[in-house]
Amino acid sequence: MSEQITEVRELAIAVFASSGRLIATGNERVAHLGLTSAWWQVLGALRYSPVPLPTASIARNMGLTRQAVQRIVDLLAERGMVAFEDNPHHRRAKLVVLTREGLAAVTSAEQAVATLDREIADRIGRERIKDATRILGEMNAILTEWLDRTEASPSPNNAS
């Protein structure tokens, strides 16, 4: 295997490990708020989106399945953290919007990890964090293109 491919594998393993630890740490830090990392992830996606989003867009943006996000959104709606609005672009795909309770929950979650955020920022440094964000964004774009091509091409089982 080439050195370049090995480096990509090492990056993927580091992302998997970081993702697992990020989820575990998030669960530990927000449990007292009645949240999970998954709920916080959806609430955060809504908070930082400039426009309300349908479930499918939240899922696509966060790299999750639509079904998983729909389950979370339904639970958040039951708890009054999100509400649904009509979508002018699609009759059946309602837009998901944060309620005042949802905004308070995601703000509380962010406050619960503020000390950890500061430690990460202090130890890694602003420029390296920006570089990592850019690199992971580029990697995400490549993976998204790959998935889009894969989904668009007919599978051998479906060929006539």
Protein backbone atom coordinates (compact mmCIF):
# COMPACT_ATOMS: atom_id res chain seq x y z
CA MET A 1 0.00 0.00 0.00
CA SER A 2 1.35 3.43 -0.88
CA GLU A 3 2.40 5.84 1.86
CA GLN A 4 -0.27 8.32 0.72
CA ILE A 5 -3.03 5.70 1.07
CA THR A 6 -1.69 4.67 4.48
CA GLU A 7 -1.87 8.31 5.59
CA VAL A 8 -5.51 8.51 4.46
CA ARG A 9 -6.26 5.32 6.45
CA GLU A 10 -4.54 6.83 9.51
CA LEU A 11 -6.63 10.00 9.11
CA ALA A 12 -9.82 7.93 8.85
CA ILE A 13 -8.94 5.94 11.99
CA ALA A 14 -8.16 9.19 13.86
CA VAL A 15 -11.52 10.65 12.77
CA PHE A 16 -13.36 7.48 13.89
CA ALA A 17 -11.59 7.55 17.27
CA SER A 18 -12.20 11.27 17.75
CA SER A 19 -15.84 10.90 16.76
CA GLY A 20 -16.35 8.13 19.30
CA ARG A 21 -14.70 10.13 22.06
CA LEU A 22 -16.56 13.29 21.06
CA ILE A 23 -19.89 11.46 21.34
CA ALA A 24 -18.96 9.82 24.67
CA THR A 25 -17.71 13.10 26.13
CA GLY A 26 -20.75 14.96 24.84
CA ASN A 27 -23.09 12.38 26.38
CA GLU A 28 -21.29 12.70 29.72
CA ARG A 29 -21.29 16.52 29.66
CA VAL A 30 -24.96 17.02 28.67
CA ALA A 31 -26.67 14.11 30.46
CA HIS A 32 -27.65 16.37 33.38
CA LEU A 33 -29.55 18.52 30.85
CA GLY A 34 -31.63 15.55 29.70
CA LEU A 35 -29.82 15.55 26.33
CA THR A 36 -27.69 13.11 24.38
CA SER A 37 -24.95 13.94 21.91
CA ALA A 38 -27.29 12.92 19.09
CA TRP A 39 -29.99 15.33 20.26
CA TRP A 40 -27.40 18.05 20.74
CA GLN A 41 -26.04 17.38 17.26
CA VAL A 42 -29.47 17.97 15.69
CA LEU A 43 -30.18 21.01 17.85
CA GLY A 44 -26.77 22.42 16.91
CA ALA A 45 -27.37 21.81 13.21
CA LEU A 46 -30.55 23.86 13.50
CA ARG A 47 -28.97 26.59 15.60
CA TYR A 48 -26.14 27.23 13.15
CA SER A 49 -28.14 26.89 9.95
CA PRO A 50 -29.09 30.26 8.45
CA VAL A 51 -32.48 28.82 7.41
CA PRO A 52 -34.92 26.21 8.78
CA LEU A 53 -34.17 22.74 7.43
CA PRO A 54 -36.17 19.62 6.59
CA THR A 55 -35.12 16.39 8.28
CA ALA A 56 -33.39 15.10 5.14
CA SER A 57 -31.14 18.18 4.97
CA ILE A 58 -30.20 17.90 8.64
CA ALA A 59 -29.28 14.26 8.04
CA ARG A 60 -27.26 15.03 4.92
CA ASN A 61 -25.43 17.94 6.59
CA MET A 62 -24.55 15.89 9.66
CA GLY A 63 -23.72 12.61 7.88
CA LEU A 64 -26.58 10.75 9.55
CA THR A 65 -29.45 8.70 8.17
CA ARG A 66 -32.75 10.44 7.55
CA GLN A 67 -34.50 7.82 9.67
CA ALA A 68 -32.24 8.42 12.67
CA VAL A 69 -32.70 12.18 12.43
CA GLN A 70 -36.47 11.78 12.04
CA ARG A 71 -36.60 9.76 15.28
CA ILE A 72 -34.57 12.42 17.10
CA VAL A 73 -36.62 15.28 15.66
CA ASP A 74 -39.84 13.56 16.72
CA LEU A 75 -38.49 13.15 20.27
CA LEU A 76 -37.32 16.76 20.37
CA ALA A 77 -40.76 17.87 19.15
CA GLU A 78 -42.45 15.85 21.92
CA ARG A 79 -40.28 17.72 24.42
CA GLY A 80 -41.05 21.11 22.87
CA MET A 81 -37.49 21.76 21.65
CA VAL A 82 -38.37 21.90 17.95
CA ALA A 83 -41.49 22.67 15.97
CA PHE A 84 -42.54 22.06 12.39
CA GLU A 85 -43.37 24.68 9.77
CA ASP A 86 -44.74 24.35 6.27
CA ASN A 87 -42.07 24.04 3.62
CA PRO A 88 -42.78 26.22 0.58
CA HIS A 89 -40.56 23.94 -1.54
CA HIS A 90 -42.06 20.59 -0.55
CA ARG A 91 -45.56 19.88 0.76
CA ARG A 92 -44.71 16.82 2.83
CA ALA A 93 -41.19 17.65 4.05
CA LYS A 94 -41.88 20.02 6.93
CA LEU A 95 -39.19 22.44 8.06
CA VAL A 96 -37.77 21.84 11.52
CA VAL A 97 -37.24 24.96 13.63
CA LEU A 98 -35.80 25.49 17.10
CA THR A 99 -38.22 26.64 19.76
CA ARG A 100 -37.22 28.86 22.67
CA GLU A 101 -36.80 25.65 24.72
CA GLY A 102 -34.58 24.11 22.04
CA LEU A 103 -32.40 27.21 21.86
CA ALA A 104 -32.08 27.18 25.65
CA ALA A 105 -31.13 23.47 25.57
CA VAL A 106 -28.42 23.87 22.92
CA THR A 107 -27.09 26.99 24.68
CA SER A 108 -26.92 25.05 27.97
CA ALA A 109 -25.11 22.20 26.20
CA GLU A 110 -22.56 24.63 24.80
CA GLN A 111 -22.05 26.16 28.25
CA ALA A 112 -21.55 22.65 29.68
CA VAL A 113 -18.59 22.07 27.36
CA ALA A 114 -17.18 25.60 27.34
CA THR A 115 -14.28 24.69 29.65
CA LEU A 116 -13.38 21.70 27.47
CA ASP A 117 -13.67 23.85 24.33
CA ARG A 118 -11.24 26.37 25.86
CA GLU A 119 -8.77 23.64 26.80
CA ILE A 120 -8.86 22.18 23.29
CA ALA A 121 -8.43 25.65 21.76
CA ASP A 122 -5.55 26.54 24.11
CA ARG A 123 -3.70 23.27 23.57
CA ILE A 124 -4.19 22.92 19.81
CA GLY A 125 -4.26 26.58 18.79
CA ARG A 126 -6.58 28.60 16.60
CA GLU A 127 -4.70 28.18 13.32
CA ARG A 128 -4.39 24.40 13.64
CA ILE A 129 -8.11 24.17 14.48
CA LYS A 130 -8.90 26.22 11.37
CA ASP A 131 -6.64 23.94 9.29
CA ALA A 132 -8.32 20.81 10.70
CA THR A 133 -11.77 22.24 10.01
CA ARG A 134 -10.78 23.06 6.43
CA ILE A 135 -9.23 19.64 5.85
CA LEU A 136 -12.21 17.77 7.30
CA GLY A 137 -14.52 19.94 5.19
CA GLU A 138 -12.58 18.99 2.06
CA MET A 139 -12.63 15.32 3.07
CA ASN A 140 -16.39 15.54 3.68
CA ALA A 141 -16.92 17.09 0.24
CA ILE A 142 -14.96 14.27 -1.44
CA LEU A 143 -16.90 11.63 0.49
CA THR A 144 -20.20 13.33 -0.39
CA GLU A 145 -19.27 13.40 -4.09
CA TRP A 146 -18.31 9.72 -3.90
CA LEU A 147 -21.62 8.79 -2.26
CA ASP A 148 -23.59 10.90 -4.75
CA ARG A 149 -21.86 9.15 -7.67
CA THR A 150 -22.43 5.74 -6.09
CA GLU A 151 -26.12 6.44 -5.50
CA ALA A 152 -26.57 7.79 -9.03
CA SER A 153 -24.95 4.82 -10.79
CA PRO A 154 -27.10 1.73 -11.32
CA SER A 155 -26.16 -1.20 -9.13
CA PRO A 156 -25.21 -4.45 -10.88
CA ASN A 157 -28.25 -6.10 -9.26
CA ASN A 158 -30.58 -3.52 -10.82
CA ALA A 159 -29.14 -3.62 -14.35
CA SER A 160 -31.39 -5.09 -17.03
